[in-house]
C-alpha atoms as a PDB file:
ATOM      1  CA  MET A   1      -0.066   0.004   0.007  1.00  0.00           C
ATOM      2  CA  LYS A   2       1.325   3.702  -0.516  1.00  0.00           C
ATOM      3  CA  VAL A   3       0.670   6.617   1.339  1.00  0.00           C
ATOM      4  CA  LEU A   4       1.643  10.144   0.058  1.00  0.00           C
ATOM      5  CA  LEU A   5       3.483  12.400   2.984  1.00  0.00           C
ATOM      6  CA  ALA A   6       3.539  16.338   0.730  1.00  0.00           C
ATOM      7  CA  GLU A   7       5.745  17.937   2.956  1.00  0.00           C
ATOM      8  CA  TYR A   8       5.498  21.571   1.808  1.00  0.00           C
ATOM      9  CA  THR A   9       8.705  23.035   3.157  1.00  0.00           C
ATOM     10  CA  THR A  10      11.339  21.132   2.450  1.00  0.00           C
ATOM     11  CA  ALA A  11      11.306  21.649  -1.184  1.00  0.00           C
ATOM     12  CA  HIS A  12       9.128  25.629  -1.170  1.00  0.00           C
ATOM     13  CA  ASP A  13      10.153  26.958   2.252  1.00  0.00           C
ATOM     14  CA  PRO A  14      14.128  27.666   3.012  1.00  0.00           C
ATOM     15  CA  VAL A  15      13.191  29.528   6.464  1.00  0.00           C
ATOM     16  CA  LEU A  16      11.499  26.589   7.682  1.00  0.00           C
ATOM     17  CA  ALA A  17      12.695  23.446   5.634  1.00  0.00           C
ATOM     18  CA  HIS A  18      14.586  21.814   8.638  1.00  0.00           C
ATOM     19  CA  GLU A  19      11.882  21.807  10.839  1.00  0.00           C
ATOM     20  CA  GLY A  20       9.632  20.365   7.879  1.00  0.00           C
ATOM     21  CA  ARG A  21      12.773  17.634   7.102  1.00  0.00           C
ATOM     22  CA  ALA A  22      12.858  16.326  10.625  1.00  0.00           C
ATOM     23  CA  MET A  23       8.887  15.096  10.592  1.00  0.00           C
ATOM     24  CA  LEU A  24       9.206  13.952   7.334  1.00  0.00           C
ATOM     25  CA  ASP A  25      11.761  11.831   8.396  1.00  0.00           C
ATOM     26  CA  VAL A  26       9.982  10.358  11.332  1.00  0.00           C
ATOM     27  CA  LEU A  27       6.399  10.072  10.095  1.00  0.00           C
ATOM     28  CA  SER A  28       8.739   8.217   6.591  1.00  0.00           C
ATOM     29  CA  ALA A  29      10.500   5.981   9.059  1.00  0.00           C
ATOM     30  CA  SER A  30       7.530   5.071  10.634  1.00  0.00           C
ATOM     31  CA  PHE A  31       5.375   4.501   7.962  1.00  0.00           C
ATOM     32  CA  SER A  32       8.499   2.135   6.265  1.00  0.00           C
ATOM     33  CA  ARG A  33       8.204  -0.015   9.243  1.00  0.00           C
ATOM     34  CA  CYS A  34       4.323  -0.701   9.144  1.00  0.00           C
ATOM     35  CA  GLY A  35       4.876  -1.695   5.713  1.00  0.00           C
ATOM     36  CA  TYR A  36       3.789   1.296   3.861  1.00  0.00           C
ATOM     37  CA  GLU A  37       5.473   2.350   0.147  1.00  0.00           C
ATOM     38  CA  VAL A  38       6.418   6.797   1.059  1.00  0.00           C
ATOM     39  CA  ILE A  39       5.508   8.782  -1.462  1.00  0.00           C
ATOM     40  CA  VAL A  40       7.073  12.242  -1.387  1.00  0.00           C
ATOM     41  CA  PRO A  41       5.903  15.268  -4.240  1.00  0.00           C
ATOM     42  CA  GLY A  42       9.142  16.433  -6.067  1.00  0.00           C
ATOM     43  CA  SER A  43      10.262  20.358  -6.343  1.00  0.00           C
ATOM     44  CA  GLY A  44       7.301  20.957  -8.513  1.00  0.00           C
ATOM     45  CA  ASP A  45       4.170  23.341  -7.989  1.00  0.00           C
ATOM     46  CA  PHE A  46       2.776  21.634  -4.477  1.00  0.00           C
ATOM     47  CA  GLY A  47      -0.603  21.222  -5.356  1.00  0.00           C
ATOM     48  CA  GLU A  48       0.269  20.374  -9.326  1.00  0.00           C
ATOM     49  CA  GLU A  49       2.106  17.607  -7.507  1.00  0.00           C
ATOM     50  CA  ILE A  50      -0.406  16.474  -4.908  1.00  0.00           C
ATOM     51  CA  GLU A  51      -2.848  15.881  -7.779  1.00  0.00           C
ATOM     52  CA  ARG A  52      -0.592  14.054  -9.775  1.00  0.00           C
ATOM     53  CA  LEU A  53       0.283  11.887  -6.953  1.00  0.00           C
ATOM     54  CA  ALA A  54      -2.857  11.133  -4.496  1.00  0.00           C
ATOM     55  CA  PRO A  55      -4.859   9.193  -7.115  1.00  0.00           C
ATOM     56  CA  SER A  56      -2.139   6.189  -6.746  1.00  0.00           C
ATOM     57  CA  CYS A  57      -1.875   6.114  -3.087  1.00  0.00           C
ATOM     58  CA  ASP A  58      -4.027   4.800  -0.752  1.00  0.00           C
ATOM     59  CA  MET A  59      -3.998   7.618   1.504  1.00  0.00           C
ATOM     60  CA  GLY A  60      -1.761  10.754   2.452  1.00  0.00           C
ATOM     61  CA  LEU A  61      -0.966  13.458   4.572  1.00  0.00           C
ATOM     62  CA  VAL A  62      -0.464  17.098   4.139  1.00  0.00           C
ATOM     63  CA  ILE A  63       1.762  18.589   5.797  1.00  0.00           C
ATOM     64  CA  ALA A  64       2.202  22.669   5.539  1.00  0.00           C
ATOM     65  CA  PRO A  65       1.956  26.251   7.225  1.00  0.00           C
ATOM     66  CA  ASP A  66      -1.277  27.021   8.467  1.00  0.00           C
ATOM     67  CA  HIS A  67      -1.848  29.250   6.206  1.00  0.00           C
ATOM     68  CA  LEU A  68      -1.636  26.756   3.209  1.00  0.00           C
ATOM     69  CA  LEU A  69      -3.021  23.709   5.116  1.00  0.00           C
ATOM     70  CA  SER A  70      -6.389  24.195   3.838  1.00  0.00           C
ATOM     71  CA  ARG A  71      -5.407  24.900   0.510  1.00  0.00           C
ATOM     72  CA  TYR A  72      -3.550  21.627  -0.394  1.00  0.00           C
ATOM     73  CA  THR A  73      -5.472  19.352   1.875  1.00  0.00           C
ATOM     74  CA  ILE A  74      -8.723  19.782  -0.147  1.00  0.00           C
ATOM     75  CA  ILE A  75      -6.979  18.876  -3.279  1.00  0.00           C
ATOM     76  CA  LEU A  76      -5.396  15.610  -1.217  1.00  0.00           C
ATOM     77  CA  GLU A  77      -9.409  14.937  -0.412  1.00  0.00           C
ATOM     78  CA  GLN A  78     -10.387  14.880  -3.692  1.00  0.00           C
ATOM     79  CA  HIS A  79      -8.077  11.940  -4.866  1.00  0.00           C
ATOM     80  CA  THR A  80      -7.811   9.883  -1.751  1.00  0.00           C
ATOM     81  CA  HIS A  81      -8.060   8.900   1.761  1.00  0.00           C
ATOM     82  CA  ASN A  82      -7.033  12.090   4.060  1.00  0.00           C
ATOM     83  CA  ILE A  83      -5.453  11.082   7.253  1.00  0.00           C
ATOM     84  CA  GLY A  84      -4.757  14.585   8.752  1.00  0.00           C
ATOM     85  CA  CYS A  85      -7.035  17.392   9.553  1.00  0.00           C
ATOM     86  CA  GLY A  86      -9.785  18.148   7.205  1.00  0.00           C
ATOM     87  CA  PHE A  87      -9.589  21.198   5.311  1.00  0.00           C
ATOM     88  CA  ILE A  88     -12.670  23.024   6.620  1.00  0.00           C
ATOM     89  CA  PRO A  89     -11.246  22.946  10.777  1.00  0.00           C
ATOM     90  CA  ALA A  90      -7.584  23.743   8.986  1.00  0.00           C
ATOM     91  CA  ALA A  91      -9.025  26.600   7.346  1.00  0.00           C
ATOM     92  CA  LEU A  92     -10.424  28.028  10.752  1.00  0.00           C
ATOM     93  CA  CYS A  93      -7.587  27.159  12.747  1.00  0.00           C
ATOM     94  CA  ALA A  94      -5.367  29.107  10.026  1.00  0.00           C
ATOM     95  CA  ASN A  95      -7.454  32.586  11.276  1.00  0.00           C
ATOM     96  CA  LYS A  96      -6.162  32.878  14.510  1.00  0.00           C
ATOM     97  CA  VAL A  97      -8.521  35.913  15.791  1.00  0.00           C
ATOM     98  CA  ARG A  98     -11.123  33.767  14.240  1.00  0.00           C
ATOM     99  CA  THR A  99     -10.367  30.958  15.958  1.00  0.00           C
ATOM    100  CA  GLY A 100      -9.222  32.842  19.679  1.00  0.00           C
ATOM    101  CA  LYS A 101     -14.047  34.128  19.585  1.00  0.00           C
ATOM    102  CA  ILE A 102     -14.398  30.599  19.060  1.00  0.00           C
ATOM    103  CA  LEU A 103     -12.587  29.059  22.138  1.00  0.00           C
ATOM    104  CA  ARG A 104     -13.281  31.929  24.495  1.00  0.00           C
ATOM    105  CA  ALA A 105     -17.123  31.214  23.144  1.00  0.00           C
ATOM    106  CA  HIS A 106     -16.482  28.223  24.845  1.00  0.00           C
ATOM    107  CA  ALA A 107     -15.087  29.609  28.300  1.00  0.00           C
ATOM    108  CA  ILE A 108     -11.772  28.699  26.629  1.00  0.00           C
ATOM    109  CA  PRO A 109      -9.279  30.783  28.394  1.00  0.00           C
ATOM    110  CA  VAL A 110      -7.584  32.915  25.718  1.00  0.00           C
ATOM    111  CA  PRO A 111      -5.373  35.880  25.831  1.00  0.00           C
ATOM    112  CA  ALA A 112      -7.314  38.852  25.148  1.00  0.00           C
ATOM    113  CA  ALA A 113      -6.763  41.583  23.493  1.00  0.00           C
ATOM    114  CA  CYS A 114      -4.171  44.291  23.721  1.00  0.00           C
ATOM    115  CA  THR A 115      -4.902  48.117  23.071  1.00  0.00           C
ATOM    116  CA  GLY A 116      -2.137  49.735  23.774  1.00  0.00           C
ATOM    117  CA  GLY A 117       1.553  48.815  25.665  1.00  0.00           C
ATOM    118  CA  ARG A 118       3.814  46.210  25.516  1.00  0.00           C
ATOM    119  CA  CYS A 119       1.367  43.650  23.530  1.00  0.00           C
ATOM    120  CA  VAL A 120       2.392  40.219  21.934  1.00  0.00           C
ATOM    121  CA  VAL A 121       2.110  40.805  17.953  1.00  0.00           C
ATOM    122  CA  LYS A 122       0.875  37.942  15.900  1.00  0.00           C
ATOM    123  CA  PRO A 123       0.108  37.355  11.984  1.00  0.00           C
ATOM    124  CA  VAL A 124      -3.635  36.449  11.846  1.00  0.00           C
ATOM    125  CA  SER A 125      -2.620  34.131   9.983  1.00  0.00           C
ATOM    126  CA  GLY A 126       0.855  32.360  10.556  1.00  0.00           C
ATOM    127  CA  CYS A 127       2.707  29.199  11.520  1.00  0.00           C
ATOM    128  CA  GLY A 128       4.281  29.001  14.689  1.00  0.00           C
ATOM    129  CA  SER A 129       6.882  31.150  15.952  1.00  0.00           C
ATOM    130  CA  ALA A 130       7.056  33.005  13.131  1.00  0.00           C
ATOM    131  CA  GLY A 131       6.355  36.747  12.889  1.00  0.00           C
ATOM    132  CA  VAL A 132       5.458  36.625  17.048  1.00  0.00           C
ATOM    133  CA  ARG A 133       7.308  39.300  18.219  1.00  0.00           C
ATOM    134  CA  LEU A 134       6.720  41.654  21.730  1.00  0.00           C
ATOM    135  CA  SER A 135       6.453  45.093  20.953  1.00  0.00           C
ATOM    136  CA  GLU A 136       4.692  48.547  21.717  1.00  0.00           C
ATOM    137  CA  SER A 137       4.163  49.961  17.959  1.00  0.00           C
ATOM    138  CA  GLY A 138       0.720  48.380  17.795  1.00  0.00           C
ATOM    139  CA  ALA A 139      -0.165  45.614  15.169  1.00  0.00           C
ATOM    140  CA  GLY A 140       0.748  46.061  11.676  1.00  0.00           C
ATOM    141  CA  LYS A 141      -1.368  44.597   8.766  1.00  0.00           C
ATOM    142  CA  ASP A 142      -2.973  41.460   8.850  1.00  0.00           C
ATOM    143  CA  GLU A 143      -1.550  41.074  12.926  1.00  0.00           C
ATOM    144  CA  PHE A 144      -3.353  41.804  15.726  1.00  0.00           C
ATOM    145  CA  SER A 145      -2.346  42.095  19.681  1.00  0.00           C
ATOM    146  CA  GLN A 146      -2.685  40.158  22.438  1.00  0.00           C
ATOM    147  CA  GLU A 147      -1.669  40.420  26.102  1.00  0.00           C
ATOM    148  CA  PHE A 148       1.539  39.192  27.037  1.00  0.00           C
ATOM    149  CA  ILE A 149       0.897  36.723  29.849  1.00  0.00           C
ATOM    150  CA  GLY A 150       4.015  34.863  31.557  1.00  0.00           C
ATOM    151  CA  GLY A 151       4.182  31.460  32.747  1.00  0.00           C
ATOM    152  CA  GLU A 152       5.474  28.002  31.230  1.00  0.00           C
ATOM    153  CA  ASN A 153       5.053  26.995  27.760  1.00  0.00           C
ATOM    154  CA  LEU A 154       3.777  23.504  27.164  1.00  0.00           C
ATOM    155  CA  SER A 155       2.047  22.120  24.698  1.00  0.00           C
ATOM    156  CA  VAL A 156       0.096  19.441  24.017  1.00  0.00           C
ATOM    157  CA  SER A 157       0.099  16.771  21.062  1.00  0.00           C
ATOM    158  CA  LEU A 158      -3.386  14.497  20.327  1.00  0.00           C
ATOM    159  CA  VAL A 159      -4.880  12.639  17.848  1.00  0.00           C
ATOM    160  CA  GLY A 160      -8.396  13.653  16.640  1.00  0.00           C
ATOM    161  CA  ASN A 161     -10.617  10.751  15.721  1.00  0.00           C
ATOM    162  CA  ARG A 162     -12.681  11.054  12.215  1.00  0.00           C
ATOM    163  CA  VAL A 163     -15.132  14.115  12.573  1.00  0.00           C
ATOM    164  CA  VAL A 164     -15.741  15.258   9.201  1.00  0.00           C
ATOM    165  CA  GLY A 165     -14.789  14.625   5.551  1.00  0.00           C
ATOM    166  CA  GLU A 166     -15.780  10.630   5.479  1.00  0.00           C
ATOM    167  CA  VAL A 167     -18.133  11.221   8.245  1.00  0.00           C
ATOM    168  CA  CYS A 168     -20.639   8.780   7.339  1.00  0.00           C
ATOM    169  CA  GLU A 169     -18.517   5.721   6.967  1.00  0.00           C
ATOM    170  CA  TYR A 170     -15.986   6.018   9.904  1.00  0.00           C
ATOM    171  CA  TYR A 171     -17.482   8.472  12.653  1.00  0.00           C
ATOM    172  CA  SER A 172     -17.465   6.604  16.090  1.00  0.00           C
ATOM    173  CA  GLY A 173     -17.407   9.562  18.736  1.00  0.00           C
ATOM    174  CA  LYS A 174     -14.185   8.399  20.399  1.00  0.00           C
ATOM    175  CA  PRO A 175     -12.559  11.313  21.913  1.00  0.00           C
ATOM    176  CA  PRO A 176      -8.883  12.559  21.153  1.00  0.00           C
ATOM    177  CA  LEU A 177      -6.284  10.867  22.001  1.00  0.00           C
ATOM    178  CA  VAL A 178      -3.442  12.164  23.912  1.00  0.00           C
ATOM    179  CA  LEU A 179       0.488  11.533  23.209  1.00  0.00           C
ATOM    180  CA  ALA A 180       1.958  13.601  25.528  1.00  0.00           C
ATOM    181  CA  VAL A 181       2.324  16.818  26.690  1.00  0.00           C
ATOM    182  CA  ASN A 182       5.321  18.836  25.737  1.00  0.00           C
ATOM    183  CA  ARG A 183       7.964  21.294  27.570  1.00  0.00           C
ATOM    184  CA  GLN A 184       8.546  24.507  24.455  1.00  0.00           C
ATOM    185  CA  LYS A 185      11.910  26.118  24.616  1.00  0.00           C
ATOM    186  CA  ILE A 186      11.141  30.280  23.584  1.00  0.00           C
ATOM    187  CA  GLU A 187      13.199  32.053  23.168  1.00  0.00           C
ATOM    188  CA  ILE A 188      12.817  36.151  23.011  1.00  0.00           C
ATOM    189  CA  GLY A 189      15.331  38.171  21.304  1.00  0.00           C
ATOM    190  CA  LYS A 190      16.596  41.330  22.087  1.00  0.00           C
ATOM    191  CA  THR A 191      14.291  43.333  19.676  1.00  0.00           C
ATOM    192  CA  GLY A 192      11.508  40.823  21.105  1.00  0.00           C
ATOM    193  CA  GLU A 193      10.994  38.534  18.127  1.00  0.00           C
ATOM    194  CA  PHE A 194      10.052  34.819  20.012  1.00  0.00           C
ATOM    195  CA  ARG A 195      11.843  31.764  18.422  1.00  0.00           C
ATOM    196  CA  TYR A 196      10.821  28.406  18.979  1.00  0.00           C
ATOM    197  CA  LEU A 197      14.054  26.019  19.595  1.00  0.00           C
ATOM    198  CA  GLY A 198      12.245  22.979  20.112  1.00  0.00           C
ATOM    199  CA  GLY A 199      11.642  21.018  23.913  1.00  0.00           C
ATOM    200  CA  GLU A 200      11.437  17.934  26.220  1.00  0.00           C
ATOM    201  CA  THR A 201       8.776  15.286  26.379  1.00  0.00           C
ATOM    202  CA  PRO A 202       6.817  14.205  27.966  1.00  0.00           C
ATOM    203  CA  VAL A 203       6.538  16.282  30.942  1.00  0.00           C
ATOM    204  CA  HIS A 204       4.417  15.887  33.848  1.00  0.00           C
ATOM    205  CA  PRO A 205       3.597  19.406  35.215  1.00  0.00           C
ATOM    206  CA  ALA A 206       1.779  20.050  38.138  1.00  0.00           C
ATOM    207  CA  ARG A 207      -1.528  20.776  36.347  1.00  0.00           C
ATOM    208  CA  GLU A 208      -1.024  17.980  34.181  1.00  0.00           C
ATOM    209  CA  GLU A 209      -4.852  16.983  34.259  1.00  0.00           C
ATOM    210  CA  GLU A 210      -5.973  20.759  33.881  1.00  0.00           C
ATOM    211  CA  ILE A 211      -4.007  21.230  30.703  1.00  0.00           C
ATOM    212  CA  ILE A 212      -4.751  18.277  28.704  1.00  0.00           C
ATOM    213  CA  GLY A 213      -8.409  19.242  29.302  1.00  0.00           C
ATOM    214  CA  THR A 214      -8.416  22.619  28.012  1.00  0.00           C
ATOM    215  CA  ALA A 215      -6.001  21.288  25.333  1.00  0.00           C
ATOM    216  CA  THR A 216      -8.687  18.402  24.461  1.00  0.00           C
ATOM    217  CA  LYS A 217     -11.670  20.954  24.762  1.00  0.00           C
ATOM    218  CA  ALA A 218      -9.327  23.430  22.461  1.00  0.00           C
ATOM    219  CA  ALA A 219      -9.344  20.638  19.442  1.00  0.00           C
ATOM    220  CA  THR A 220     -12.630  19.057  19.913  1.00  0.00           C
ATOM    221  CA  VAL A 221     -14.193  22.646  19.866  1.00  0.00           C
ATOM    222  CA  LEU A 222     -12.421  23.582  16.984  1.00  0.00           C
ATOM    223  CA  GLY A 223     -13.206  20.105  15.068  1.00  0.00           C
ATOM    224  CA  CYS A 224      -9.724  19.147  14.636  1.00  0.00           C
ATOM    225  CA  GLN A 225      -8.744  15.289  13.457  1.00  0.00           C
ATOM    226  CA  GLY A 226      -5.483  13.732  12.911  1.00  0.00           C
ATOM    227  CA  TYR A 227      -2.803  14.695  14.974  1.00  0.00           C
ATOM    228  CA  CYS A 228      -2.750  18.699  16.341  1.00  0.00           C
ATOM    229  CA  GLY A 229      -0.903  20.318  18.468  1.00  0.00           C
ATOM    230  CA  VAL A 230      -2.064  22.861  21.500  1.00  0.00           C
ATOM    231  CA  ASP A 231       0.214  25.522  22.565  1.00  0.00           C
ATOM    232  CA  VAL A 232      -0.523  26.693  26.041  1.00  0.00           C
ATOM    233  CA  VAL A 233       0.609  29.068  28.689  1.00  0.00           C
ATOM    234  CA  VAL A 234       0.455  28.415  32.395  1.00  0.00           C
ATOM    235  CA  ALA A 235      -0.038  30.737  34.378  1.00  0.00           C
ATOM    236  CA  ASP A 236      -3.032  31.672  36.466  1.00  0.00           C
ATOM    237  CA  ARG A 237      -5.586  30.088  34.255  1.00  0.00           C
ATOM    238  CA  ILE A 238      -4.488  27.847  31.115  1.00  0.00           C
ATOM    239  CA  TYR A 239      -4.364  30.085  28.275  1.00  0.00           C
ATOM    240  CA  VAL A 240      -4.474  28.726  24.732  1.00  0.00           C
ATOM    241  CA  VAL A 241      -2.420  30.297  22.771  1.00  0.00           C
ATOM    242  CA  ASP A 242      -2.387  28.575  19.437  1.00  0.00           C
ATOM    243  CA  VAL A 243      -4.336  25.623  17.611  1.00  0.00           C
ATOM    244  CA  ASN A 244      -1.923  23.563  15.033  1.00  0.00           C
ATOM    245  CA  PRO A 245      -4.151  21.077  13.033  1.00  0.00           C
ATOM    246  CA  ARG A 246      -0.906  18.993  11.666  1.00  0.00           C
ATOM    247  CA  ILE A 247       2.259  17.375  12.247  1.00  0.00           C
ATOM    248  CA  THR A 248       4.451  19.642  14.692  1.00  0.00           C
ATOM    249  CA  THR A 249       7.939  18.995  15.549  1.00  0.00           C
ATOM    250  CA  SER A 250       7.101  17.672  18.877  1.00  0.00           C
ATOM    251  CA  ILE A 251       6.400  14.269  16.779  1.00  0.00           C
ATOM    252  CA  VAL A 252      10.345  14.374  16.676  1.00  0.00           C
ATOM    253  CA  GLY A 253      10.309  13.853  19.990  1.00  0.00           C
ATOM    254  CA  ILE A 254       7.622  11.768  20.879  1.00  0.00           C
ATOM    255  CA  ALA A 255       8.465   9.143  18.102  1.00  0.00           C
ATOM    256  CA  ALA A 256      11.282   8.996  20.304  1.00  0.00           C
ATOM    257  CA  CYS A 257       9.636   7.538  23.409  1.00  0.00           C
ATOM    258  CA  MET A 258       6.527   5.939  22.148  1.00  0.00           C
ATOM    259  CA  GLU A 259       5.941   2.381  21.975  1.00  0.00           C
ATOM    260  CA  GLU A 260       3.176   2.779  19.016  1.00  0.00           C
ATOM    261  CA  GLU A 261       3.719   3.517  15.994  1.00  0.00           C
ATOM    262  CA  ILE A 262       2.271   7.286  14.871  1.00  0.00           C
ATOM    263  CA  ALA A 263       1.656   5.585  11.393  1.00  0.00           C
ATOM    264  CA  GLU A 264      -0.565   2.775  12.848  1.00  0.00           C
ATOM    265  CA  ILE A 265      -2.247   6.069  14.957  1.00  0.00           C
ATOM    266  CA  LEU A 266      -2.773   7.910  12.970  1.00  0.00           C
ATOM    267  CA  ILE A 267      -4.476   5.606   9.877  1.00  0.00           C
ATOM    268  CA  ALA A 268      -7.064   4.100  13.069  1.00  0.00           C
ATOM    269  CA  ALA A 269      -7.703   7.795  14.385  1.00  0.00           C
ATOM    270  CA  SER A 270      -8.671   8.784  10.532  1.00  0.00           C
ATOM    271  CA  LYS A 271     -10.995   5.813  10.379  1.00  0.00           C
ATOM    272  CA  GLY A 272     -12.410   6.129  14.097  1.00  0.00           C
ATOM    273  CA  GLY A 273     -10.230   4.077  16.000  1.00  0.00           C
ATOM    274  CA  GLY A 274      -6.683   3.615  17.489  1.00  0.00           C
ATOM    275  CA  PRO A 275      -5.942   3.096  20.994  1.00  0.00           C
ATOM    276  CA  ASP A 276      -7.100   4.368  24.166  1.00  0.00           C
ATOM    277  CA  ARG A 277      -3.790   5.339  25.715  1.00  0.00           C
ATOM    278  CA  VAL A 278      -0.289   5.280  24.038  1.00  0.00           C
ATOM    279  CA  HIS A 279       3.545   4.247  26.141  1.00  0.00           C
ATOM    280  CA  LEU A 280       6.005   6.329  26.551  1.00  0.00           C
ATOM    281  CA  LYS A 281       9.225   5.125  27.607  1.00  0.00           C
ATOM    282  CA  GLY A 282      11.608   7.809  28.912  1.00  0.00           C
ATOM    283  CA  GLY A 283      12.007  11.384  27.885  1.00  0.00           C
ATOM    284  CA  VAL A 284      14.061  13.492  25.651  1.00  0.00           C
ATOM    285  CA  SER A 285      14.949  17.045  24.650  1.00  0.00           C
ATOM    286  CA  PHE A 286      14.570  17.859  21.143  1.00  0.00           C
ATOM    287  CA  ASP A 287      15.367  20.713  18.574  1.00  0.00           C
ATOM    288  CA  THR A 288      14.015  22.170  15.374  1.00  0.00           C
ATOM    289  CA  GLN A 289      17.055  20.281  13.461  1.00  0.00           C
ATOM    290  CA  GLY A 290      15.535  16.787  14.447  1.00  0.00           C
ATOM    291  CA  LYS A 291      18.355  16.425  16.912  1.00  0.00           C
ATOM    292  CA  VAL A 292      16.991  14.048  20.026  1.00  0.00           C
ATOM    293  CA  MET A 293      18.858  13.659  23.134  1.00  0.00           C
ATOM    294  CA  LYS A 294      17.598  11.534  26.041  1.00  0.00           C
ATOM    295  CA  LEU A 295      17.337  13.204  29.310  1.00  0.00           C
END
């Protein structure tokens, strides 16, 4: 059987290519161990490559920056079985302002809007820490401002079961599978820019149950399925600062600790199934280049 792993940045975004390659390598190795032939796009037009390759594959997954994810996922879904998030939730999560409004409406804490002073300025449609900065100058075009919340930066890696798409065939109502809570290493530069450097996994903070509950609720409210990373800041409350409906860099560390194969989990979840929990052994630190070190 064939699986298309359509990773965008490796050939089309030099700035993020190192993270994209690290994620692609982990996924490719897992699918290969599970007996799948892995197909990857060439360096041509990304959408055309998906359209060319997907019909001959049994399933596929798009790995791309948030603002591009929906555009290419809809192409994939027209030609093969998608084992990632559907294109509609992906489009929703790409709009960080709209995402925040929906989470707030469901009583999920998010940073408040910031109208003056020292604010966190973010692109409305961005990827990770790119373009995120501390500033007193206010937001520019296609940006928005939030209050800065000091606290512990964590993420929760989940795999949501089939919610939309081939819903009649695969919907099961099974709740998201929690893979791990991860500590994020985020550096704030002298001029205020945020930089994501990797992290540690798994971690077990004091409020772990509350953190997982908040992240799971956020992913469920937004209709996320497949691999999803929910970024939070732990302060007086558990604040959700970003929801990424896609493979994130944390998979590099999680896969090094997890006894189960991520390939099998993604396939099972895309059809409404999968395990109730995973088994993690030891702990690791990881960076954005794909380097993993045991702790």
